[in-house]
Amino acid sequence: MRNTQHQQHNLSLFRSLSSIPAAQTRTIDISSNNSPDIGATSSLSPLLNSQADAENFAAFVHANRHHKVKPFILKRRRQNLKTYIGNEKNIRHSPWRMNLVCQFAHGLTVPEALKQLLFCQKVKAPLVAKVIRRTANLADIRDGVQPSQLEVAECFTTHGTHLKRLKIMGRGRAGKKLRRFSHIRLVLREIDFPTKILEAKSINQKRKWLERLAIARDDYEKARVEKEELAELERLAAEVAEKQRKEKEAAKE
């Protein structure tokens, strides 16, 4: 009897969560069934509508943590996320040593990656941080995505065009040495907060992702308000310039 009541409660909670509205361009349609499957996260946007919805979703996920999420759902969500590619080429540094720096940033959110690189005692750490900032700025220009909404999905180094040089050795011998160059490839991806909360194994990890979600939502709203104010000021400036132009034309006539 208790199991039946518990299943009914989970089913009602599942229906309430799956009915949360989301933007058409940020959702994935899947065939729904009557069973309370956590796969309903495919109908949620990367930034949940409110902090209350996020907390309810985290509580629902923790209560049903014994359920397994189907891999194709997570794959579809990742394919639907926005990505931004950045690179830096022909760096006079060894690819192996450059990869040591890139490992600090891989898999972290953009603010955390910049914080790690700030305290990294490597000579090329500022360069990697510069590439991350530049790519995050590109995301803000294109889609208005803030750094707190991005994570470092890929960050690695490949070989560049090495320069062959003469290596002087003992006993009158000579060999060959390489002046190594490297390229950095960086991919920033939009953070899917429902998936992160879903994959978190402990309550503390879910709580941290909820805090990051609140920070990302606040940054997004502040940036949106600033852009609206800037667009309004540009519109007023254009109206004033048009009015002055008409006055000058009237004075000439």
Protein backbone atom coordinates (compact mmCIF):
# COMPACT_ATOMS: atom_id res chain seq x y z
CA MET A 1 0.00 0.00 0.00
CA ARG A 2 2.77 2.38 0.91
CA ASN A 3 4.63 1.58 -2.31
CA THR A 4 1.50 2.36 -4.32
CA GLN A 5 1.05 5.72 -2.58
CA HIS A 6 4.72 6.52 -3.09
CA GLN A 7 4.49 5.73 -6.81
CA GLN A 8 1.38 7.87 -7.17
CA HIS A 9 3.12 10.76 -5.42
CA ASN A 10 6.16 10.44 -7.71
CA LEU A 11 3.89 10.27 -10.74
CA SER A 12 2.09 13.49 -9.79
CA LEU A 13 5.42 15.22 -9.09
CA PHE A 14 6.76 13.97 -12.41
CA ARG A 15 3.76 15.36 -14.28
CA SER A 16 4.09 18.74 -12.57
CA LEU A 17 7.78 18.93 -13.48
CA SER A 18 7.35 17.75 -17.04
CA SER A 19 4.65 20.38 -17.59
CA ILE A 20 7.05 23.26 -16.95
CA PRO A 21 7.00 25.45 -20.09
CA ALA A 22 10.21 25.93 -22.04
CA ALA A 23 11.28 27.69 -25.21
CA GLN A 24 10.67 25.79 -28.43
CA THR A 25 14.23 26.18 -29.66
CA ARG A 26 15.75 24.84 -26.45
CA THR A 27 13.71 21.64 -26.04
CA ILE A 28 13.78 18.11 -27.45
CA ASP A 29 10.59 16.19 -28.15
CA ILE A 30 10.57 12.52 -27.17
CA SER A 31 7.78 9.98 -27.03
CA SER A 32 6.28 10.12 -23.54
CA ASN A 33 4.80 7.21 -21.65
CA ASN A 34 2.80 6.84 -18.47
CA SER A 35 5.72 5.61 -16.34
CA PRO A 36 7.45 8.18 -14.07
CA ASP A 37 10.76 8.33 -15.93
CA ILE A 38 13.45 10.89 -15.10
CA GLY A 39 13.83 11.26 -18.85
CA ALA A 40 11.32 14.11 -18.49
CA THR A 41 14.40 16.34 -18.11
CA SER A 42 14.45 16.46 -21.90
CA SER A 43 11.53 18.90 -21.72
CA LEU A 44 13.38 21.35 -19.42
CA SER A 45 15.46 24.31 -20.59
CA PRO A 46 19.18 24.56 -19.63
CA LEU A 47 18.29 27.53 -17.41
CA LEU A 48 15.27 26.46 -15.41
CA ASN A 49 12.44 28.98 -15.21
CA SER A 50 12.91 29.85 -11.54
CA GLN A 51 14.89 28.86 -8.50
CA ALA A 52 11.80 27.21 -7.00
CA ASP A 53 11.48 24.96 -10.06
CA ALA A 54 15.18 24.09 -9.78
CA GLU A 55 14.86 23.16 -6.11
CA ASN A 56 11.77 21.05 -6.79
CA PHE A 57 13.54 19.30 -9.62
CA ALA A 58 16.62 18.62 -7.43
CA ALA A 59 14.40 17.16 -4.71
CA PHE A 60 12.60 15.00 -7.24
CA VAL A 61 15.88 13.72 -8.69
CA HIS A 62 17.26 12.91 -5.26
CA ALA A 63 14.09 11.07 -4.29
CA ASN A 64 14.31 8.99 -7.49
CA ARG A 65 18.11 8.61 -7.60
CA HIS A 66 17.77 4.82 -8.01
CA HIS A 67 16.30 5.36 -11.51
CA LYS A 68 18.63 5.31 -14.50
CA VAL A 69 18.53 7.98 -17.17
CA LYS A 70 18.52 6.73 -20.71
CA PRO A 71 21.79 7.66 -22.47
CA PHE A 72 20.09 8.86 -25.67
CA ILE A 73 18.29 11.56 -23.68
CA LEU A 74 21.54 13.04 -22.40
CA LYS A 75 23.07 12.75 -25.87
CA ARG A 76 20.16 14.62 -27.46
CA ARG A 77 20.37 17.37 -24.88
CA ARG A 78 24.13 17.82 -25.41
CA GLN A 79 23.66 17.98 -29.17
CA ASN A 80 21.08 20.75 -28.72
CA LEU A 81 23.34 22.95 -26.57
CA LYS A 82 25.16 25.98 -27.97
CA THR A 83 28.91 25.65 -28.45
CA TYR A 84 31.60 28.24 -29.13
CA ILE A 85 35.01 27.40 -30.59
CA GLY A 86 38.19 29.31 -29.85
CA ASN A 87 41.79 28.65 -30.83
CA GLU A 88 45.29 30.03 -30.68
CA LYS A 89 47.86 28.97 -33.26
CA ASN A 90 51.64 28.92 -33.64
CA ILE A 91 52.53 29.18 -29.96
CA ARG A 92 56.25 28.87 -29.31
CA HIS A 93 55.85 26.20 -26.65
CA SER A 94 55.97 22.45 -26.41
CA PRO A 95 52.58 20.75 -26.97
CA TRP A 96 53.24 18.36 -24.09
CA ARG A 97 53.90 21.19 -21.65
CA MET A 98 50.99 23.22 -23.01
CA ASN A 99 48.66 20.28 -22.38
CA LEU A 100 49.63 20.38 -18.71
CA VAL A 101 48.12 23.88 -18.57
CA CYS A 102 45.02 22.92 -20.55
CA GLN A 103 44.26 20.12 -18.08
CA PHE A 104 43.58 22.71 -15.38
CA ALA A 105 40.69 24.20 -17.36
CA HIS A 106 39.12 21.12 -18.95
CA GLY A 107 35.74 20.13 -17.51
CA LEU A 108 35.30 23.23 -15.34
CA THR A 109 32.94 26.14 -15.64
CA VAL A 110 34.44 29.29 -17.12
CA PRO A 111 34.69 31.25 -13.80
CA GLU A 112 36.30 28.26 -12.07
CA ALA A 113 38.70 27.65 -14.97
CA LEU A 114 39.85 31.28 -14.90
CA LYS A 115 40.32 31.03 -11.15
CA GLN A 116 42.43 27.87 -11.50
CA LEU A 117 44.59 29.43 -14.22
CA LEU A 118 45.10 32.54 -12.10
CA PHE A 119 46.99 30.48 -9.52
CA CYS A 120 48.67 28.11 -12.00
CA GLN A 121 52.46 28.54 -11.86
CA LYS A 122 52.98 27.91 -15.59
CA VAL A 123 54.35 30.44 -18.04
CA LYS A 124 51.53 29.91 -20.58
CA ALA A 125 48.64 29.91 -18.11
CA PRO A 126 47.77 33.59 -18.87
CA LEU A 127 47.59 32.73 -22.58
CA VAL A 128 45.07 29.92 -22.00
CA ALA A 129 43.03 32.24 -19.77
CA LYS A 130 43.11 34.85 -22.54
CA VAL A 131 41.71 32.34 -25.07
CA ILE A 132 38.92 31.38 -22.64
CA ARG A 133 37.96 35.02 -22.03
CA ARG A 134 37.98 35.76 -25.76
CA THR A 135 35.71 32.80 -26.55
CA ALA A 136 33.37 33.67 -23.65
CA ASN A 137 33.16 37.22 -25.00
CA LEU A 138 32.24 35.78 -28.40
CA ALA A 139 29.38 33.86 -26.78
CA ASP A 140 28.12 37.05 -25.15
CA ILE A 141 28.24 38.94 -28.45
CA ARG A 142 26.47 36.24 -30.48
CA ASP A 143 23.76 34.93 -28.15
CA GLY A 144 24.02 36.90 -24.91
CA VAL A 145 25.32 33.85 -23.03
CA GLN A 146 27.23 34.85 -19.90
CA PRO A 147 30.48 33.19 -18.67
CA SER A 148 28.65 31.66 -15.70
CA GLN A 149 26.47 29.74 -18.20
CA LEU A 150 29.44 28.14 -19.97
CA GLU A 151 31.73 25.20 -19.27
CA VAL A 152 35.01 24.12 -20.88
CA ALA A 153 33.94 21.09 -22.92
CA GLU A 154 37.25 20.71 -24.77
CA CYS A 155 40.68 22.18 -24.12
CA PHE A 156 43.73 20.50 -25.59
CA THR A 157 46.89 21.16 -27.60
CA THR A 158 48.04 19.81 -30.97
CA HIS A 159 51.36 19.95 -32.76
CA GLY A 160 52.16 22.96 -34.89
CA THR A 161 54.80 23.36 -37.61
CA HIS A 162 58.08 22.58 -35.87
CA LEU A 163 61.32 24.22 -37.03
CA LYS A 164 64.32 21.98 -37.65
CA ARG A 165 67.58 23.23 -36.22
CA LEU A 166 71.14 21.99 -36.00
CA LYS A 167 72.16 20.29 -32.78
CA ILE A 168 75.90 20.47 -32.03
CA MET A 169 77.20 17.38 -30.24
CA GLY A 170 80.57 16.15 -29.02
CA ARG A 171 83.40 14.59 -31.03
CA GLY A 172 82.61 16.73 -34.06
CA ARG A 173 79.16 15.24 -34.55
CA ALA A 174 75.96 17.09 -35.42
CA GLY A 175 72.35 16.11 -35.00
CA LYS A 176 68.85 17.49 -35.46
CA LYS A 177 66.60 19.24 -32.94
CA LEU A 178 63.12 20.74 -33.18
CA ARG A 179 61.87 24.15 -32.11
CA ARG A 180 58.39 23.04 -31.19
CA PHE A 181 55.19 25.00 -31.84
CA SER A 182 51.67 24.16 -30.70
CA HIS A 183 48.02 25.03 -31.34
CA ILE A 184 45.28 25.36 -28.71
CA ARG A 185 41.74 24.22 -29.42
CA LEU A 186 39.02 25.33 -27.02
CA VAL A 187 35.30 24.52 -27.05
CA LEU A 188 32.96 26.27 -24.62
CA ARG A 189 29.53 24.68 -24.21
CA GLU A 190 26.37 25.96 -22.60
CA ILE A 191 25.82 24.37 -19.20
CA ASP A 192 22.79 22.11 -19.01
CA PHE A 193 21.89 22.57 -15.36
CA PRO A 194 19.12 19.91 -15.22
CA THR A 195 21.58 17.31 -16.49
CA LYS A 196 24.25 18.44 -14.02
CA ILE A 197 21.79 18.17 -11.13
CA LEU A 198 20.69 14.80 -12.43
CA GLU A 199 24.24 13.44 -12.62
CA ALA A 200 25.28 14.79 -9.21
CA LYS A 201 25.73 11.87 -6.82
CA SER A 202 25.41 13.60 -3.45
CA ILE A 203 23.19 16.25 -1.92
CA ASN A 204 26.12 18.67 -1.57
CA GLN A 205 26.90 18.41 -5.27
CA LYS A 206 23.27 19.12 -6.15
CA ARG A 207 23.34 22.09 -3.79
CA LYS A 208 26.46 23.49 -5.47
CA TRP A 209 24.85 23.21 -8.91
CA LEU A 210 21.75 24.98 -7.58
CA GLU A 211 23.96 27.83 -6.35
CA ARG A 212 25.71 28.03 -9.72
CA LEU A 213 22.32 28.04 -11.43
CA ALA A 214 21.18 30.98 -9.28
CA ILE A 215 24.37 32.92 -10.13
CA ALA A 216 24.00 32.17 -13.86
CA ARG A 217 20.35 33.29 -13.87
CA ASP A 218 21.23 36.55 -12.07
CA ASP A 219 24.06 37.28 -14.53
CA TYR A 220 21.79 36.56 -17.48
CA GLU A 221 19.06 38.89 -16.20
CA LYS A 222 21.55 41.70 -15.46
CA ALA A 223 23.06 41.41 -18.94
CA ARG A 224 19.60 41.40 -20.53
CA VAL A 225 18.59 44.56 -18.67
CA GLU A 226 21.84 46.30 -19.64
CA LYS A 227 21.38 45.40 -23.31
CA GLU A 228 17.81 46.67 -23.28
CA GLU A 229 18.92 49.96 -21.71
CA LEU A 230 21.73 50.29 -24.26
CA ALA A 231 19.34 49.63 -27.14
CA GLU A 232 16.95 52.27 -25.76
CA LEU A 233 19.78 54.83 -25.51
CA GLU A 234 20.88 54.08 -29.06
CA ARG A 235 17.31 54.54 -30.27
CA LEU A 236 17.03 57.91 -28.52
CA ALA A 237 20.40 59.01 -29.91
CA ALA A 238 19.28 58.06 -33.41
CA GLU A 239 16.06 60.07 -32.98
CA VAL A 240 18.00 63.12 -31.78
CA ALA A 241 20.43 62.86 -34.71
CA GLU A 242 17.55 62.55 -37.18
CA LYS A 243 15.83 65.57 -35.64
CA GLN A 244 18.99 67.68 -35.87
CA ARG A 245 19.47 66.64 -39.50
CA LYS A 246 15.95 67.70 -40.39
CA GLU A 247 16.43 71.05 -38.63
CA LYS A 248 19.62 71.71 -40.60
CA GLU A 249 17.89 70.86 -43.89
CA ALA A 250 15.00 73.18 -42.99
CA ALA A 251 17.44 76.00 -42.12
CA LYS A 252 19.23 75.63 -45.49
CA GLU A 253 15.96 75.89 -47.37
